[in-house]
């Protein structure tokens, strides 16, 4: 699966890119027809602690799945996004079987 990771308003660390790719590759277990994934990591300029925004888009035949999470670290945002995507992929696969 092709995974594209982009950062907005900061320079991304290579370890963070590898972490995101590793987590997203787990999603292949839940759906057979994933074509690719796009990850957008953004830093929102505000005084709040939870100023890190993680957006993930899973590209599937038909409709894509988009998830947006806000947290205080990118790792936490990636984990929350992947968990949400797992649930959505399982639901979508069950609908295809029915």
N, C-alpha and C. Protein backbone atom coordinates (compact mmCIF):
# COMPACT_ATOMS: atom_id res chain seq x y z
N UNK A 1 0.85 -1.18 0.00
CA UNK A 1 0.00 0.00 0.00
C UNK A 1 0.89 1.24 0.00
N UNK A 2 0.52 2.22 -0.79
CA UNK A 2 1.26 3.47 -0.87
C UNK A 2 0.75 4.41 0.22
N UNK A 3 1.66 4.88 1.06
CA UNK A 3 1.30 5.80 2.14
C UNK A 3 2.04 7.12 1.92
N UNK A 4 1.29 8.20 1.89
CA UNK A 4 1.89 9.52 1.73
C UNK A 4 1.67 10.31 3.02
N UNK A 5 2.76 10.84 3.59
CA UNK A 5 2.67 11.61 4.83
C UNK A 5 3.14 13.03 4.54
N UNK A 6 2.30 14.00 4.89
CA UNK A 6 2.63 15.41 4.67
C UNK A 6 2.49 16.18 5.97
N UNK A 7 3.38 17.16 6.15
CA UNK A 7 3.30 18.00 7.34
C UNK A 7 2.97 19.43 6.94
N UNK A 8 2.20 20.09 7.79
CA UNK A 8 1.80 21.48 7.55
C UNK A 8 2.25 22.30 8.75
N UNK A 9 2.95 23.37 8.50
CA UNK A 9 3.43 24.33 9.52
C UNK A 9 4.55 23.79 10.41
N UNK A 10 5.23 22.71 10.01
CA UNK A 10 6.39 22.23 10.75
C UNK A 10 7.18 21.25 9.87
N UNK A 11 8.42 20.99 10.28
CA UNK A 11 9.25 20.02 9.57
C UNK A 11 9.08 18.67 10.25
N UNK A 12 8.75 17.66 9.47
CA UNK A 12 8.43 16.35 10.03
C UNK A 12 9.70 15.55 10.28
N UNK A 13 9.69 14.78 11.34
CA UNK A 13 10.79 13.89 11.70
C UNK A 13 10.60 12.56 10.97
N UNK A 14 11.69 11.96 10.52
CA UNK A 14 11.62 10.69 9.79
C UNK A 14 11.03 9.57 10.65
N UNK A 15 11.29 9.61 11.96
CA UNK A 15 10.73 8.59 12.87
C UNK A 15 9.21 8.67 12.91
N UNK A 16 8.68 9.87 12.86
CA UNK A 16 7.22 10.06 12.88
C UNK A 16 6.60 9.52 11.59
N UNK A 17 7.28 9.70 10.47
CA UNK A 17 6.79 9.17 9.19
C UNK A 17 6.75 7.64 9.25
N UNK A 18 7.81 7.04 9.76
CA UNK A 18 7.86 5.57 9.87
C UNK A 18 6.79 5.05 10.81
N UNK A 19 6.55 5.77 11.91
CA UNK A 19 5.52 5.39 12.87
C UNK A 19 4.14 5.39 12.21
N UNK A 20 3.85 6.45 11.45
CA UNK A 20 2.56 6.56 10.77
C UNK A 20 2.40 5.45 9.74
N UNK A 21 3.44 5.18 8.96
CA UNK A 21 3.36 4.13 7.94
C UNK A 21 3.15 2.76 8.58
N UNK A 22 3.83 2.51 9.69
CA UNK A 22 3.69 1.22 10.39
C UNK A 22 2.26 1.02 10.88
N UNK A 23 1.69 2.07 11.47
CA UNK A 23 0.32 1.97 12.00
C UNK A 23 -0.70 1.80 10.88
N UNK A 24 -0.51 2.51 9.78
CA UNK A 24 -1.46 2.43 8.67
C UNK A 24 -1.40 1.08 7.98
N UNK A 25 -0.22 0.50 7.89
CA UNK A 25 -0.09 -0.80 7.24
C UNK A 25 -0.85 -1.89 7.99
N UNK A 26 -1.12 -1.69 9.27
CA UNK A 26 -1.92 -2.64 10.05
C UNK A 26 -3.35 -2.71 9.50
N UNK A 27 -3.83 -1.62 8.91
CA UNK A 27 -5.21 -1.56 8.41
C UNK A 27 -5.46 -2.54 7.26
N UNK A 28 -4.41 -3.00 6.60
CA UNK A 28 -4.59 -3.94 5.49
C UNK A 28 -5.22 -5.25 5.95
N UNK A 29 -5.09 -5.56 7.23
CA UNK A 29 -5.70 -6.78 7.78
C UNK A 29 -7.23 -6.68 7.80
N UNK A 30 -7.76 -5.45 7.83
CA UNK A 30 -9.19 -5.26 8.01
C UNK A 30 -9.97 -5.06 6.71
N UNK A 31 -9.26 -4.77 5.62
CA UNK A 31 -9.93 -4.59 4.33
C UNK A 31 -8.95 -4.98 3.23
N UNK A 32 -9.43 -5.73 2.25
CA UNK A 32 -8.56 -6.27 1.21
C UNK A 32 -8.25 -5.29 0.08
N UNK A 33 -9.09 -4.31 -0.11
CA UNK A 33 -9.00 -3.48 -1.31
C UNK A 33 -8.53 -2.05 -1.03
N UNK A 34 -7.65 -1.86 -0.06
CA UNK A 34 -7.12 -0.52 0.22
C UNK A 34 -6.09 -0.18 -0.85
N UNK A 35 -6.32 0.92 -1.55
CA UNK A 35 -5.42 1.33 -2.63
C UNK A 35 -4.26 2.18 -2.12
N UNK A 36 -4.51 2.96 -1.08
CA UNK A 36 -3.47 3.83 -0.55
C UNK A 36 -3.97 4.63 0.64
N UNK A 37 -3.08 5.43 1.18
CA UNK A 37 -3.43 6.25 2.34
C UNK A 37 -2.69 7.58 2.27
N UNK A 38 -3.36 8.61 2.74
CA UNK A 38 -2.76 9.93 2.84
C UNK A 38 -2.88 10.40 4.29
N UNK A 39 -1.79 10.92 4.82
CA UNK A 39 -1.77 11.42 6.19
C UNK A 39 -1.34 12.88 6.16
N UNK A 40 -2.11 13.72 6.82
CA UNK A 40 -1.77 15.14 6.94
C UNK A 40 -1.60 15.45 8.42
N UNK A 41 -0.42 15.90 8.80
CA UNK A 41 -0.14 16.28 10.17
C UNK A 41 0.00 17.80 10.22
N UNK A 42 -0.81 18.43 11.05
CA UNK A 42 -0.85 19.89 11.11
C UNK A 42 -0.65 20.38 12.54
N UNK A 43 0.02 21.51 12.66
CA UNK A 43 0.14 22.18 13.96
C UNK A 43 -0.71 23.43 13.88
N UNK A 44 -1.70 23.48 14.75
CA UNK A 44 -2.60 24.63 14.79
C UNK A 44 -1.99 25.68 15.72
N UNK A 45 -1.93 26.90 15.27
CA UNK A 45 -1.34 27.96 16.08
C UNK A 45 -2.37 28.47 17.07
N UNK A 46 -2.27 27.97 18.29
CA UNK A 46 -3.17 28.41 19.35
C UNK A 46 -2.50 28.17 20.69
N UNK A 47 -3.12 28.65 21.75
CA UNK A 47 -2.55 28.48 23.09
C UNK A 47 -3.00 27.17 23.74
N UNK A 48 -3.85 26.42 23.06
CA UNK A 48 -4.33 25.15 23.62
C UNK A 48 -3.22 24.10 23.58
N UNK A 49 -3.28 23.14 24.51
CA UNK A 49 -2.30 22.05 24.51
C UNK A 49 -2.58 21.07 23.38
N UNK A 50 -3.84 20.87 23.06
CA UNK A 50 -4.22 19.94 21.99
C UNK A 50 -4.24 20.69 20.67
N UNK A 51 -3.05 21.02 20.16
CA UNK A 51 -2.97 21.81 18.94
C UNK A 51 -2.44 21.00 17.75
N UNK A 52 -2.35 19.69 17.89
CA UNK A 52 -1.86 18.83 16.81
C UNK A 52 -3.06 18.14 16.14
N UNK A 53 -3.18 18.33 14.84
CA UNK A 53 -4.30 17.77 14.09
C UNK A 53 -3.79 16.69 13.15
N UNK A 54 -4.42 15.53 13.21
CA UNK A 54 -4.07 14.41 12.35
C UNK A 54 -5.25 14.10 11.45
N UNK A 55 -5.03 14.14 10.15
CA UNK A 55 -6.07 13.78 9.19
C UNK A 55 -5.57 12.58 8.40
N UNK A 56 -6.40 11.55 8.29
CA UNK A 56 -6.05 10.36 7.52
C UNK A 56 -7.13 10.09 6.50
N UNK A 57 -6.70 9.77 5.30
CA UNK A 57 -7.63 9.42 4.23
C UNK A 57 -7.21 8.06 3.69
N UNK A 58 -8.13 7.11 3.76
CA UNK A 58 -7.90 5.78 3.21
C UNK A 58 -8.60 5.72 1.86
N UNK A 59 -7.85 5.38 0.83
CA UNK A 59 -8.39 5.36 -0.52
C UNK A 59 -8.86 3.95 -0.85
N UNK A 60 -10.16 3.84 -1.09
CA UNK A 60 -10.81 2.57 -1.43
C UNK A 60 -11.51 2.71 -2.77
N UNK A 61 -11.77 1.59 -3.45
CA UNK A 61 -12.60 1.69 -4.65
C UNK A 61 -14.00 2.18 -4.25
N UNK A 62 -14.49 3.16 -4.92
CA UNK A 62 -15.79 3.73 -4.54
C UNK A 62 -15.57 4.96 -3.68
N UNK A 63 -15.92 4.88 -2.42
CA UNK A 63 -15.79 6.01 -1.50
C UNK A 63 -14.56 5.88 -0.62
N UNK A 64 -13.89 7.00 -0.39
CA UNK A 64 -12.76 7.02 0.52
C UNK A 64 -13.25 7.25 1.95
N UNK A 65 -12.40 6.95 2.91
CA UNK A 65 -12.73 7.19 4.32
C UNK A 65 -11.79 8.27 4.84
N UNK A 66 -12.35 9.29 5.48
CA UNK A 66 -11.57 10.39 6.01
C UNK A 66 -11.81 10.51 7.51
N UNK A 67 -10.72 10.64 8.26
CA UNK A 67 -10.80 10.78 9.72
C UNK A 67 -9.94 11.96 10.13
N UNK A 68 -10.46 12.76 11.06
CA UNK A 68 -9.72 13.91 11.56
C UNK A 68 -9.75 13.87 13.08
N UNK A 69 -8.58 13.91 13.70
CA UNK A 69 -8.47 13.87 15.16
C UNK A 69 -7.55 14.98 15.64
N UNK A 70 -7.84 15.50 16.84
CA UNK A 70 -7.02 16.54 17.44
C UNK A 70 -6.52 16.03 18.79
N UNK A 71 -5.22 16.19 19.05
CA UNK A 71 -4.65 15.70 20.30
C UNK A 71 -3.42 16.54 20.68
N UNK A 72 -2.78 16.14 21.78
CA UNK A 72 -1.61 16.89 22.21
C UNK A 72 -0.30 16.35 21.62
N UNK A 73 -0.30 15.12 21.05
CA UNK A 73 0.86 14.59 20.34
C UNK A 73 0.41 13.95 19.04
N UNK A 74 1.30 13.92 18.07
CA UNK A 74 0.95 13.31 16.79
C UNK A 74 0.79 11.79 16.93
N UNK A 75 1.59 11.17 17.78
CA UNK A 75 1.48 9.73 17.97
C UNK A 75 0.10 9.35 18.49
N UNK A 76 -0.39 10.12 19.46
CA UNK A 76 -1.72 9.86 20.01
C UNK A 76 -2.79 10.08 18.94
N UNK A 77 -2.63 11.12 18.14
CA UNK A 77 -3.57 11.41 17.06
C UNK A 77 -3.57 10.31 16.01
N UNK A 78 -2.40 9.79 15.70
CA UNK A 78 -2.29 8.69 14.73
C UNK A 78 -2.99 7.45 15.27
N UNK A 79 -2.76 7.14 16.54
CA UNK A 79 -3.40 5.96 17.15
C UNK A 79 -4.92 6.09 17.16
N UNK A 80 -5.43 7.27 17.54
CA UNK A 80 -6.88 7.47 17.57
C UNK A 80 -7.46 7.36 16.16
N UNK A 81 -6.77 7.91 15.18
CA UNK A 81 -7.24 7.86 13.80
C UNK A 81 -7.27 6.42 13.28
N UNK A 82 -6.22 5.67 13.56
CA UNK A 82 -6.16 4.28 13.09
C UNK A 82 -7.26 3.45 13.74
N UNK A 83 -7.52 3.67 15.03
CA UNK A 83 -8.61 2.94 15.70
C UNK A 83 -9.96 3.25 15.06
N UNK A 84 -10.19 4.52 14.75
CA UNK A 84 -11.44 4.91 14.11
C UNK A 84 -11.55 4.30 12.71
N UNK A 85 -10.45 4.30 11.99
CA UNK A 85 -10.45 3.71 10.64
C UNK A 85 -10.69 2.21 10.68
N UNK A 86 -10.15 1.53 11.69
CA UNK A 86 -10.39 0.08 11.84
C UNK A 86 -11.88 -0.20 11.92
N UNK A 87 -12.57 0.55 12.80
CA UNK A 87 -14.00 0.36 12.98
C UNK A 87 -14.75 0.61 11.68
N UNK A 88 -14.40 1.67 10.97
CA UNK A 88 -15.10 1.99 9.73
C UNK A 88 -14.83 0.96 8.64
N UNK A 89 -13.60 0.45 8.58
CA UNK A 89 -13.27 -0.56 7.57
C UNK A 89 -14.02 -1.87 7.84
N UNK A 90 -14.12 -2.25 9.11
CA UNK A 90 -14.86 -3.47 9.47
C UNK A 90 -16.32 -3.31 9.10
N UNK A 91 -16.92 -2.15 9.40
CA UNK A 91 -18.32 -1.89 9.04
C UNK A 91 -18.52 -1.98 7.54
N UNK A 92 -17.62 -1.36 6.80
CA UNK A 92 -17.75 -1.34 5.34
C UNK A 92 -17.61 -2.75 4.76
N UNK A 93 -16.71 -3.56 5.32
CA UNK A 93 -16.52 -4.91 4.83
C UNK A 93 -17.75 -5.78 5.14
N UNK A 94 -18.35 -5.57 6.32
CA UNK A 94 -19.56 -6.31 6.66
C UNK A 94 -20.71 -5.94 5.72
N UNK A 95 -20.82 -4.66 5.34
CA UNK A 95 -21.86 -4.25 4.40
C UNK A 95 -21.66 -4.90 3.05
N UNK A 96 -20.41 -5.05 2.61
CA UNK A 96 -20.14 -5.69 1.32
C UNK A 96 -20.54 -7.16 1.33
N UNK A 97 -20.36 -7.81 2.46
CA UNK A 97 -20.73 -9.23 2.56
C UNK A 97 -22.23 -9.44 2.57
N UNK A 98 -22.96 -8.47 3.10
CA UNK A 98 -24.42 -8.62 3.22
C UNK A 98 -25.14 -8.45 1.90
